[in-house]
Protein backbone atom coordinates (compact mmCIF):
# COMPACT_ATOMS: atom_id res chain seq x y z
CA UNK A 1 0.00 0.00 0.00
CA UNK A 2 1.43 3.37 -0.95
CA UNK A 3 1.46 6.16 1.56
CA UNK A 4 1.45 9.84 0.67
CA UNK A 5 4.30 11.75 2.26
CA UNK A 6 3.99 15.54 2.43
CA UNK A 7 7.00 17.45 1.10
CA UNK A 8 7.67 20.90 2.57
CA UNK A 9 6.99 23.73 0.14
CA UNK A 10 10.32 25.54 0.50
CA UNK A 11 12.65 22.58 1.01
CA UNK A 12 14.99 23.73 -1.80
CA UNK A 13 14.69 27.46 -1.11
CA UNK A 14 17.78 29.48 -0.32
CA UNK A 15 18.51 30.57 3.21
CA UNK A 16 17.15 34.01 4.09
CA UNK A 17 18.57 36.75 6.27
CA UNK A 18 15.75 39.10 7.28
CA UNK A 19 14.09 40.00 3.93
CA UNK A 20 16.84 38.93 1.54
CA UNK A 21 18.14 35.63 0.25
CA UNK A 22 21.76 34.72 0.94
CA UNK A 23 22.90 35.39 -2.64
CA UNK A 24 21.60 38.96 -2.33
CA UNK A 25 23.23 39.56 1.06
CA UNK A 26 26.73 38.39 0.12
CA UNK A 27 27.47 41.18 -2.43
CA UNK A 28 26.14 43.79 0.01
CA UNK A 29 28.43 42.60 2.79
CA UNK A 30 31.43 42.28 0.43
CA UNK A 31 31.03 45.78 -1.04
CA UNK A 32 30.36 47.22 2.40
CA UNK A 33 33.61 45.69 3.64
CA UNK A 34 35.54 47.01 0.64
CA UNK A 35 34.06 50.46 1.27
CA UNK A 36 35.24 50.39 4.87
CA UNK A 37 38.74 49.21 3.94
CA UNK A 38 39.21 51.77 1.15
CA UNK A 39 37.49 54.63 3.01
CA UNK A 40 35.08 55.12 0.08
CA UNK A 41 31.87 54.25 1.89
CA UNK A 42 29.58 56.75 0.14
CA UNK A 43 30.60 55.50 -3.31
CA UNK A 44 30.12 51.90 -2.21
CA UNK A 45 26.65 52.63 -0.84
CA UNK A 46 25.61 54.06 -4.20
CA UNK A 47 27.21 51.08 -5.97
CA UNK A 48 25.46 48.65 -3.61
CA UNK A 49 22.10 50.28 -4.29
CA UNK A 50 22.56 50.20 -8.08
CA UNK A 51 23.91 46.66 -8.21
CA UNK A 52 21.17 45.30 -5.99
CA UNK A 53 18.50 46.91 -8.16
CA UNK A 54 20.04 45.32 -11.26
CA UNK A 55 20.55 41.98 -9.53
CA UNK A 56 17.02 41.81 -8.15
CA UNK A 57 15.48 42.56 -11.56
CA UNK A 58 17.74 39.91 -13.13
CA UNK A 59 16.74 37.35 -10.52
CA UNK A 60 13.03 38.10 -10.73
CA UNK A 61 12.99 37.85 -14.53
CA UNK A 62 14.60 34.36 -14.56
CA UNK A 63 13.70 30.98 -13.14
CA UNK A 64 14.80 29.79 -9.72
CA UNK A 65 18.32 28.38 -9.75
CA UNK A 66 19.65 30.65 -12.50
CA UNK A 67 22.77 31.54 -10.50
CA UNK A 68 23.67 27.87 -9.98
CA UNK A 69 23.07 27.21 -13.68
CA UNK A 70 25.32 30.10 -14.71
CA UNK A 71 28.03 28.99 -12.28
CA UNK A 72 27.91 25.47 -13.76
CA UNK A 73 27.83 26.71 -17.37
CA UNK A 74 30.95 28.82 -16.78
CA UNK A 75 32.85 26.10 -14.92
CA UNK A 76 32.70 27.70 -11.48
CA UNK A 77 30.54 25.09 -9.72
CA UNK A 78 30.12 21.33 -10.18
CA UNK A 79 26.74 19.89 -11.07
CA UNK A 80 27.30 16.47 -9.51
CA UNK A 81 29.87 13.66 -9.45
CA UNK A 82 29.00 12.42 -12.95
CA UNK A 83 29.22 15.81 -14.72
CA UNK A 84 31.91 17.80 -12.91
CA UNK A 85 32.75 20.35 -15.63
CA UNK A 86 30.19 22.59 -17.28
CA UNK A 87 32.63 24.10 -19.76
CA UNK A 88 33.08 20.76 -21.56
CA UNK A 89 30.32 20.76 -24.18
CA UNK A 90 30.85 17.26 -25.65
CA UNK A 91 31.89 13.97 -24.07
CA UNK A 92 34.08 11.73 -26.21
CA UNK A 93 34.46 8.07 -25.19
PDB file of N, CA and C in Angstrom:
ATOM      1  N   UNK A   1       0.837  -1.168   0.000  1.00  0.00           N
ATOM      2  CA  UNK A   1       0.000   0.000   0.000  1.00  0.00           C
ATOM      3  C   UNK A   1       0.892   1.244   0.000  1.00  0.00           C
ATOM      4  N   UNK A   2       0.616   2.168  -0.878  1.00  0.00           N
ATOM      5  CA  UNK A   2       1.433   3.374  -0.955  1.00  0.00           C
ATOM      6  C   UNK A   2       0.897   4.426   0.013  1.00  0.00           C
ATOM      7  N   UNK A   3       1.815   5.133   0.588  1.00  0.00           N
ATOM      8  CA  UNK A   3       1.465   6.162   1.562  1.00  0.00           C
ATOM      9  C   UNK A   3       1.932   7.506   1.043  1.00  0.00           C
ATOM     10  N   UNK A   4       1.088   8.503   1.108  1.00  0.00           N
ATOM     11  CA  UNK A   4       1.445   9.844   0.672  1.00  0.00           C
ATOM     12  C   UNK A   4       2.265  10.530   1.757  1.00  0.00           C
ATOM     13  N   UNK A   5       3.418  11.045   1.342  1.00  0.00           N
ATOM     14  CA  UNK A   5       4.304  11.747   2.263  1.00  0.00           C
ATOM     15  C   UNK A   5       4.324  13.214   1.867  1.00  0.00           C
ATOM     16  N   UNK A   6       3.962  14.110   2.779  1.00  0.00           N
ATOM     17  CA  UNK A   6       3.988  15.540   2.427  1.00  0.00           C
ATOM     18  C   UNK A   6       5.427  16.054   2.334  1.00  0.00           C
ATOM     19  N   UNK A   7       5.689  16.839   1.294  1.00  0.00           N
ATOM     20  CA  UNK A   7       6.997  17.454   1.099  1.00  0.00           C
ATOM     21  C   UNK A   7       6.871  18.940   1.414  1.00  0.00           C
ATOM     22  N   UNK A   8       7.755  19.465   2.250  1.00  0.00           N
ATOM     23  CA  UNK A   8       7.668  20.903   2.572  1.00  0.00           C
ATOM     24  C   UNK A   8       7.770  21.763   1.311  1.00  0.00           C
ATOM     25  N   UNK A   9       7.073  22.873   1.319  1.00  0.00           N
ATOM     26  CA  UNK A   9       6.992  23.731   0.143  1.00  0.00           C
ATOM     27  C   UNK A   9       8.325  24.376  -0.219  1.00  0.00           C
ATOM     28  N   UNK A  10       9.084  24.813   0.762  1.00  0.00           N
ATOM     29  CA  UNK A  10      10.318  25.541   0.499  1.00  0.00           C
ATOM     30  C   UNK A  10      11.545  24.723   0.887  1.00  0.00           C
ATOM     31  N   UNK A  11      11.538  23.434   0.604  1.00  0.00           N
ATOM     32  CA  UNK A  11      12.654  22.580   1.008  1.00  0.00           C
ATOM     33  C   UNK A  11      13.931  22.918   0.233  1.00  0.00           C
ATOM     34  N   UNK A  12      13.827  23.379  -0.991  1.00  0.00           N
ATOM     35  CA  UNK A  12      14.988  23.730  -1.798  1.00  0.00           C
ATOM     36  C   UNK A  12      15.252  25.228  -1.849  1.00  0.00           C
ATOM     37  N   UNK A  13      14.526  26.004  -1.088  1.00  0.00           N
ATOM     38  CA  UNK A  13      14.690  27.456  -1.114  1.00  0.00           C
ATOM     39  C   UNK A  13      16.014  27.856  -0.465  1.00  0.00           C
ATOM     40  N   UNK A  14      16.538  28.981  -0.898  1.00  0.00           N
ATOM     41  CA  UNK A  14      17.782  29.483  -0.324  1.00  0.00           C
ATOM     42  C   UNK A  14      17.542  30.035   1.072  1.00  0.00           C
ATOM     43  N   UNK A  15      18.589  30.031   1.865  1.00  0.00           N
ATOM     44  CA  UNK A  15      18.509  30.574   3.214  1.00  0.00           C
ATOM     45  C   UNK A  15      18.264  32.079   3.142  1.00  0.00           C
ATOM     46  N   UNK A  16      17.455  32.581   4.063  1.00  0.00           N
ATOM     47  CA  UNK A  16      17.147  34.006   4.086  1.00  0.00           C
ATOM     48  C   UNK A  16      17.711  34.659   5.333  1.00  0.00           C
ATOM     49  N   UNK A  17      18.148  35.903   5.160  1.00  0.00           N
ATOM     50  CA  UNK A  17      18.569  36.755   6.271  1.00  0.00           C
ATOM     51  C   UNK A  17      17.664  37.974   6.231  1.00  0.00           C
ATOM     52  N   UNK A  18      16.798  38.087   7.215  1.00  0.00           N
ATOM     53  CA  UNK A  18      15.745  39.103   7.275  1.00  0.00           C
ATOM     54  C   UNK A  18      14.884  39.017   6.017  1.00  0.00           C
ATOM     55  N   UNK A  19      14.940  39.997   5.116  1.00  0.00           N
ATOM     56  CA  UNK A  19      14.086  39.999   3.928  1.00  0.00           C
ATOM     57  C   UNK A  19      14.778  39.485   2.667  1.00  0.00           C
ATOM     58  N   UNK A  20      16.085  39.242   2.736  1.00  0.00           N
ATOM     59  CA  UNK A  20      16.844  38.933   1.542  1.00  0.00           C
ATOM     60  C   UNK A  20      17.363  37.495   1.556  1.00  0.00           C
ATOM     61  N   UNK A  21      17.518  36.943   0.363  1.00  0.00           N
ATOM     62  CA  UNK A  21      18.139  35.629   0.249  1.00  0.00           C
ATOM     63  C   UNK A  21      19.649  35.778   0.362  1.00  0.00           C
ATOM     64  N   UNK A  22      20.328  34.679   0.645  1.00  0.00           N
ATOM     65  CA  UNK A  22      21.760  34.724   0.940  1.00  0.00           C
ATOM     66  C   UNK A  22      22.577  35.221  -0.254  1.00  0.00           C
ATOM     67  N   UNK A  23      22.135  34.923  -1.482  1.00  0.00           N
ATOM     68  CA  UNK A  23      22.896  35.393  -2.640  1.00  0.00           C
ATOM     69  C   UNK A  23      22.729  36.893  -2.885  1.00  0.00           C
ATOM     70  N   UNK A  24      21.746  37.504  -2.251  1.00  0.00           N
ATOM     71  CA  UNK A  24      21.602  38.955  -2.328  1.00  0.00           C
ATOM     72  C   UNK A  24      22.377  39.650  -1.206  1.00  0.00           C
ATOM     73  N   UNK A  25      22.543  38.977  -0.091  1.00  0.00           N
ATOM     74  CA  UNK A  25      23.232  39.562   1.061  1.00  0.00           C
ATOM     75  C   UNK A  25      24.744  39.564   0.864  1.00  0.00           C
ATOM     76  N   UNK A  26      25.286  38.512   0.263  1.00  0.00           N
ATOM     77  CA  UNK A  26      26.735  38.393   0.124  1.00  0.00           C
ATOM     78  C   UNK A  26      27.373  39.570  -0.621  1.00  0.00           C
ATOM     79  N   UNK A  27      26.850  40.014  -1.776  1.00  0.00           N
ATOM     80  CA  UNK A  27      27.468  41.183  -2.434  1.00  0.00           C
ATOM     81  C   UNK A  27      27.364  42.463  -1.599  1.00  0.00           C
ATOM     82  N   UNK A  28      26.279  42.607  -0.843  1.00  0.00           N
ATOM     83  CA  UNK A  28      26.139  43.795   0.010  1.00  0.00           C
ATOM     84  C   UNK A  28      27.227  43.810   1.067  1.00  0.00           C
ATOM     85  N   UNK A  29      27.423  42.677   1.734  1.00  0.00           N
ATOM     86  CA  UNK A  29      28.431  42.597   2.789  1.00  0.00           C
ATOM     87  C   UNK A  29      29.831  42.781   2.213  1.00  0.00           C
ATOM     88  N   UNK A  30      30.104  42.162   1.048  1.00  0.00           N
ATOM     89  CA  UNK A  30      31.432  42.277   0.435  1.00  0.00           C
ATOM     90  C   UNK A  30      31.734  43.724   0.033  1.00  0.00           C
ATOM     91  N   UNK A  31      30.800  44.395  -0.626  1.00  0.00           N
ATOM     92  CA  UNK A  31      31.027  45.784  -1.036  1.00  0.00           C
ATOM     93  C   UNK A  31      31.084  46.721   0.162  1.00  0.00           C
ATOM     94  N   UNK A  32      30.306  46.416   1.179  1.00  0.00           N
ATOM     95  CA  UNK A  32      30.360  47.222   2.401  1.00  0.00           C
ATOM     96  C   UNK A  32      31.737  47.111   3.048  1.00  0.00           C
ATOM     97  N   UNK A  33      32.269  45.891   3.087  1.00  0.00           N
ATOM     98  CA  UNK A  33      33.615  45.689   3.643  1.00  0.00           C
ATOM     99  C   UNK A  33      34.688  46.378   2.829  1.00  0.00           C
ATOM    100  N   UNK A  34      34.570  46.322   1.504  1.00  0.00           N
ATOM    101  CA  UNK A  34      35.536  47.008   0.640  1.00  0.00           C
ATOM    102  C   UNK A  34      35.454  48.518   0.840  1.00  0.00           C
ATOM    103  N   UNK A  35      34.231  49.028   1.018  1.00  0.00           N
ATOM    104  CA  UNK A  35      34.057  50.458   1.270  1.00  0.00           C
ATOM    105  C   UNK A  35      34.697  50.898   2.567  1.00  0.00           C
ATOM    106  N   UNK A  36      34.613  50.062   3.590  1.00  0.00           N
ATOM    107  CA  UNK A  36      35.242  50.391   4.869  1.00  0.00           C
ATOM    108  C   UNK A  36      36.759  50.367   4.737  1.00  0.00           C
ATOM    109  N   UNK A  37      37.290  49.340   4.073  1.00  0.00           N
ATOM    110  CA  UNK A  37      38.742  49.211   3.938  1.00  0.00           C
ATOM    111  C   UNK A  37      39.361  50.320   3.090  1.00  0.00           C
ATOM    112  N   UNK A  38      38.667  50.751   2.050  1.00  0.00           N
ATOM    113  CA  UNK A  38      39.214  51.766   1.149  1.00  0.00           C
ATOM    114  C   UNK A  38      38.796  53.184   1.514  1.00  0.00           C
ATOM    115  N   UNK A  39      37.975  53.328   2.553  1.00  0.00           N
ATOM    116  CA  UNK A  39      37.493  54.629   3.007  1.00  0.00           C
ATOM    117  C   UNK A  39      36.697  55.353   1.916  1.00  0.00           C
ATOM    118  N   UNK A  40      35.940  54.583   1.136  1.00  0.00           N
ATOM    119  CA  UNK A  40      35.079  55.125   0.081  1.00  0.00           C
ATOM    120  C   UNK A  40      33.640  54.660   0.307  1.00  0.00           C
ATOM    121  N   UNK A  41      33.157  54.822   1.511  1.00  0.00           N
ATOM    122  CA  UNK A  41      31.871  54.253   1.885  1.00  0.00           C
ATOM    123  C   UNK A  41      30.704  54.848   1.107  1.00  0.00           C
ATOM    124  N   UNK A  42      30.697  56.128   0.855  1.00  0.00           N
ATOM    125  CA  UNK A  42      29.576  56.750   0.136  1.00  0.00           C
ATOM    126  C   UNK A  42      29.474  56.218  -1.294  1.00  0.00           C
ATOM    127  N   UNK A  43      30.615  56.053  -1.949  1.00  0.00           N
ATOM    128  CA  UNK A  43      30.600  55.502  -3.309  1.00  0.00           C
ATOM    129  C   UNK A  43      30.115  54.062  -3.298  1.00  0.00           C
ATOM    130  N   UNK A  44      30.543  53.303  -2.298  1.00  0.00           N
ATOM    131  CA  UNK A  44      30.122  51.904  -2.206  1.00  0.00           C
ATOM    132  C   UNK A  44      28.635  51.778  -1.911  1.00  0.00           C
ATOM    133  N   UNK A  45      28.087  52.687  -1.108  1.00  0.00           N
ATOM    134  CA  UNK A  45      26.648  52.632  -0.839  1.00  0.00           C
ATOM    135  C   UNK A  45      25.842  52.870  -2.106  1.00  0.00           C
ATOM    136  N   UNK A  46      26.287  53.814  -2.921  1.00  0.00           N
ATOM    137  CA  UNK A  46      25.612  54.062  -4.203  1.00  0.00           C
ATOM    138  C   UNK A  46      25.763  52.842  -5.113  1.00  0.00           C
ATOM    139  N   UNK A  47      26.963  52.267  -5.158  1.00  0.00           N
ATOM    140  CA  UNK A  47      27.213  51.085  -5.973  1.00  0.00           C
ATOM    141  C   UNK A  47      26.388  49.897  -5.481  1.00  0.00           C
ATOM    142  N   UNK A  48      26.287  49.732  -4.174  1.00  0.00           N
ATOM    143  CA  UNK A  48      25.464  48.650  -3.606  1.00  0.00           C
ATOM    144  C   UNK A  48      24.015  48.817  -4.024  1.00  0.00           C
ATOM    145  N   UNK A  49      23.494  50.025  -3.919  1.00  0.00           N
ATOM    146  CA  UNK A  49      22.103  50.275  -4.293  1.00  0.00           C
ATOM    147  C   UNK A  49      21.858  49.954  -5.767  1.00  0.00           C
ATOM    148  N   UNK A  50      22.743  50.426  -6.647  1.00  0.00           N
ATOM    149  CA  UNK A  50      22.560  50.196  -8.081  1.00  0.00           C
ATOM    150  C   UNK A  50      22.704  48.720  -8.448  1.00  0.00           C
ATOM    151  N   UNK A  51      23.712  48.071  -7.899  1.00  0.00           N
ATOM    152  CA  UNK A  51      23.909  46.656  -8.215  1.00  0.00           C
ATOM    153  C   UNK A  51      22.775  45.775  -7.695  1.00  0.00           C
ATOM    154  N   UNK A  52      22.252  46.104  -6.523  1.00  0.00           N
ATOM    155  CA  UNK A  52      21.165  45.300  -5.987  1.00  0.00           C
ATOM    156  C   UNK A  52      19.874  45.500  -6.777  1.00  0.00           C
ATOM    157  N   UNK A  53      19.662  46.688  -7.292  1.00  0.00           N
ATOM    158  CA  UNK A  53      18.500  46.914  -8.160  1.00  0.00           C
ATOM    159  C   UNK A  53      18.626  46.075  -9.435  1.00  0.00           C
ATOM    160  N   UNK A  54      19.814  46.112 -10.057  1.00  0.00           N
ATOM    161  CA  UNK A  54      20.043  45.315 -11.263  1.00  0.00           C
ATOM    162  C   UNK A  54      19.950  43.819 -10.981  1.00  0.00           C
ATOM    163  N   UNK A  55      20.538  43.403  -9.881  1.00  0.00           N
ATOM    164  CA  UNK A  55      20.547  41.981  -9.535  1.00  0.00           C
ATOM    165  C   UNK A  55      19.148  41.475  -9.204  1.00  0.00           C
ATOM    166  N   UNK A  56      18.360  42.262  -8.497  1.00  0.00           N
ATOM    167  CA  UNK A  56      17.017  41.812  -8.150  1.00  0.00           C
ATOM    168  C   UNK A  56      16.109  41.737  -9.381  1.00  0.00           C
ATOM    169  N   UNK A  57      16.269  42.658 -10.328  1.00  0.00           N
ATOM    170  CA  UNK A  57      15.479  42.555 -11.558  1.00  0.00           C
ATOM    171  C   UNK A  57      15.939  41.370 -12.399  1.00  0.00           C
ATOM    172  N   UNK A  58      17.239  41.081 -12.414  1.00  0.00           N
ATOM    173  CA  UNK A  58      17.743  39.914 -13.131  1.00  0.00           C
ATOM    174  C   UNK A  58      17.193  38.631 -12.521  1.00  0.00           C
ATOM    175  N   UNK A  59      17.207  38.549 -11.195  1.00  0.00           N
ATOM    176  CA  UNK A  59      16.737  37.347 -10.519  1.00  0.00           C
ATOM    177  C   UNK A  59      15.235  37.157 -10.674  1.00  0.00           C
ATOM    178  N   UNK A  60      14.482  38.227 -10.629  1.00  0.00           N
ATOM    179  CA  UNK A  60      13.031  38.099 -10.733  1.00  0.00           C
ATOM    180  C   UNK A  60      12.573  37.796 -12.155  1.00  0.00           C
ATOM    181  N   UNK A  61      13.390  38.108 -13.153  1.00  0.00           N
ATOM    182  CA  UNK A  61      12.995  37.846 -14.534  1.00  0.00           C
ATOM    183  C   UNK A  61      13.443  36.469 -15.021  1.00  0.00           C
ATOM    184  N   UNK A  62      14.143  35.702 -14.190  1.00  0.00           N
ATOM    185  CA  UNK A  62      14.596  34.361 -14.563  1.00  0.00           C
ATOM    186  C   UNK A  62      14.021  33.331 -13.604  1.00  0.00           C
ATOM    187  N   UNK A  63      14.178  32.063 -13.978  1.00  0.00           N
ATOM    188  CA  UNK A  63      13.695  30.979 -13.140  1.00  0.00           C
ATOM    189  C   UNK A  63      14.566  30.802 -11.906  1.00  0.00           C
ATOM    190  N   UNK A  64      14.023  30.098 -10.912  1.00  0.00           N
ATOM    191  CA  UNK A  64      14.802  29.790  -9.717  1.00  0.00           C
ATOM    192  C   UNK A  64      15.993  28.928 -10.092  1.00  0.00           C
ATOM    193  N   UNK A  65      17.120  29.172  -9.475  1.00  0.00           N
ATOM    194  CA  UNK A  65      18.315  28.383  -9.750  1.00  0.00           C
ATOM    195  C   UNK A  65      19.164  28.909 -10.882  1.00  0.00           C
ATOM    196  N   UNK A  66      18.892  30.103 -11.374  1.00  0.00           N
ATOM    197  CA  UNK A  66      19.653  30.648 -12.499  1.00  0.00           C
ATOM    198  C   UNK A  66      21.114  30.878 -12.128  1.00  0.00           C
ATOM    199  N   UNK A  67      21.383  31.278 -10.892  1.00  0.00           N
ATOM    200  CA  UNK A  67      22.769  31.537 -10.501  1.00  0.00           C
ATOM    201  C   UNK A  67      23.582  30.243 -10.469  1.00  0.00           C
ATOM    202  N   UNK A  68      22.979  29.158  -9.990  1.00  0.00           N
ATOM    203  CA  UNK A  68      23.673  27.872  -9.980  1.00  0.00           C
ATOM    204  C   UNK A  68      23.892  27.384 -11.410  1.00  0.00           C
ATOM    205  N   UNK A  69      22.920  27.599 -12.278  1.00  0.00           N
ATOM    206  CA  UNK A  69      23.067  27.209 -13.680  1.00  0.00           C
ATOM    207  C   UNK A  69      24.190  27.993 -14.349  1.00  0.00           C
ATOM    208  N   UNK A  70      24.264  29.287 -14.107  1.00  0.00           N
ATOM    209  CA  UNK A  70      25.315  30.101 -14.709  1.00  0.00           C
ATOM    210  C   UNK A  70      26.691  29.715 -14.165  1.00  0.00           C
ATOM    211  N   UNK A  71      26.759  29.410 -12.872  1.00  0.00           N
ATOM    212  CA  UNK A  71      28.032  28.988 -12.285  1.00  0.00           C
ATOM    213  C   UNK A  71      28.484  27.663 -12.891  1.00  0.00           C
ATOM    214  N   UNK A  72      27.562  26.735 -13.141  1.00  0.00           N
ATOM    215  CA  UNK A  72      27.912  25.467 -13.762  1.00  0.00           C
ATOM    216  C   UNK A  72      28.309  25.673 -15.227  1.00  0.00           C
ATOM    217  N   UNK A  73      27.565  26.496 -15.947  1.00  0.00           N
ATOM    218  CA  UNK A  73      27.830  26.713 -17.369  1.00  0.00           C
ATOM    219  C   UNK A  73      29.181  27.369 -17.610  1.00  0.00           C
ATOM    220  N   UNK A  74      29.659  28.153 -16.650  1.00  0.00           N
ATOM    221  CA  UNK A  74      30.952  28.825 -16.784  1.00  0.00           C
ATOM    222  C   UNK A  74      32.085  28.100 -16.074  1.00  0.00           C
ATOM    223  N   UNK A  75      31.807  26.908 -15.538  1.00  0.00           N
ATOM    224  CA  UNK A  75      32.850  26.099 -14.923  1.00  0.00           C
ATOM    225  C   UNK A  75      33.232  26.498 -13.517  1.00  0.00           C
ATOM    226  N   UNK A  76      32.400  27.259 -12.839  1.00  0.00           N
ATOM    227  CA  UNK A  76      32.704  27.700 -11.479  1.00  0.00           C
ATOM    228  C   UNK A  76      32.260  26.656 -10.457  1.00  0.00           C
ATOM    229  N   UNK A  77      31.096  26.063 -10.667  1.00  0.00           N
ATOM    230  CA  UNK A  77      30.541  25.085  -9.723  1.00  0.00           C
ATOM    231  C   UNK A  77      30.333  23.746 -10.426  1.00  0.00           C
ATOM    232  N   UNK A  78      30.373  22.670  -9.653  1.00  0.00           N
ATOM    233  CA  UNK A  78      30.122  21.335 -10.185  1.00  0.00           C
ATOM    234  C   UNK A  78      28.632  21.026 -10.097  1.00  0.00           C
ATOM    235  N   UNK A  79      28.138  20.290 -11.087  1.00  0.00           N
ATOM    236  CA  UNK A  79      26.736  19.892 -11.066  1.00  0.00           C
ATOM    237  C   UNK A  79      26.545  18.697 -10.136  1.00  0.00           C
ATOM    238  N   UNK A  80      27.317  17.655 -10.363  1.00  0.00           N
ATOM    239  CA  UNK A  80      27.300  16.468  -9.514  1.00  0.00           C
ATOM    240  C   UNK A  80      28.566  15.673  -9.786  1.00  0.00           C
ATOM    241  N   UNK A  81      28.656  14.464  -9.261  1.00  0.00           N
ATOM    242  CA  UNK A  81      29.871  13.663  -9.449  1.00  0.00           C
ATOM    243  C   UNK A  81      30.028  13.162 -10.882  1.00  0.00           C
ATOM    244  N   UNK A  82      28.934  12.953 -11.587  1.00  0.00           N
ATOM    245  CA  UNK A  82      28.997  12.424 -12.953  1.00  0.00           C
ATOM    246  C   UNK A  82      29.396  13.491 -13.977  1.00  0.00           C
ATOM    247  N   UNK A  83      28.933  14.705 -13.798  1.00  0.00           N
ATOM    248  CA  UNK A  83      29.223  15.807 -14.721  1.00  0.00           C
ATOM    249  C   UNK A  83      29.932  16.931 -13.961  1.00  0.00           C
ATOM    250  N   UNK A  84      31.227  16.797 -13.744  1.00  0.00           N
ATOM    251  CA  UNK A  84      31.909  17.798 -12.908  1.00  0.00           C
ATOM    252  C   UNK A  84      32.198  19.123 -13.611  1.00  0.00           C
ATOM    253  N   UNK A  85      32.356  19.128 -14.937  1.00  0.00           N
ATOM    254  CA  UNK A  85      32.750  20.353 -15.633  1.00  0.00           C
ATOM    255  C   UNK A  85      31.652  20.815 -16.578  1.00  0.00           C
ATOM    256  N   UNK A  86      31.222  22.054 -16.403  1.00  0.00           N
ATOM    257  CA  UNK A  86      30.194  22.593 -17.276  1.00  0.00           C
ATOM    258  C   UNK A  86      30.750  23.190 -18.543  1.00  0.00           C
ATOM    259  N   UNK A  87      32.045  23.469 -18.574  1.00  0.00           N
ATOM    260  CA  UNK A  87      32.634  24.095 -19.758  1.00  0.00           C
ATOM    261  C   UNK A  87      32.909  23.085 -20.862  1.00  0.00           C
ATOM    262  N   UNK A  88      32.891  21.801 -20.553  1.00  0.00           N
ATOM    263  CA  UNK A  88      33.075  20.755 -21.565  1.00  0.00           C
ATOM    264  C   UNK A  88      31.710  20.526 -22.207  1.00  0.00           C
ATOM    265  N   UNK A  89      31.616  20.814 -23.496  1.00  0.00           N
ATOM    266  CA  UNK A  89      30.320  20.759 -24.179  1.00  0.00           C
ATOM    267  C   UNK A  89      30.038  19.404 -24.835  1.00  0.00           C
ATOM    268  N   UNK A  90      31.066  18.572 -25.038  1.00  0.00           N
ATOM    269  CA  UNK A  90      30.850  17.262 -25.653  1.00  0.00           C
ATOM    270  C   UNK A  90      31.728  16.227 -24.937  1.00  0.00           C
ATOM    271  N   UNK A  91      31.141  15.067 -24.684  1.00  0.00           N
ATOM    272  CA  UNK A  91      31.885  13.972 -24.065  1.00  0.00           C
ATOM    273  C   UNK A  91      32.295  12.990 -25.150  1.00  0.00           C
ATOM    274  N   UNK A  92      33.573  12.665 -25.202  1.00  0.00           N
ATOM    275  CA  UNK A  92      34.078  11.726 -26.207  1.00  0.00           C
ATOM    276  C   UNK A  92      34.571  10.488 -25.454  1.00  0.00           C
ATOM    277  N   UNK A  93      34.034   9.337 -25.839  1.00  0.00           N
ATOM    278  CA  UNK A  93      34.457   8.074 -25.194  1.00  0.00           C
ATOM    279  C   UNK A  93      35.387   7.314 -26.087  1.00  0.00           C
TER     280      UNK A  93
END
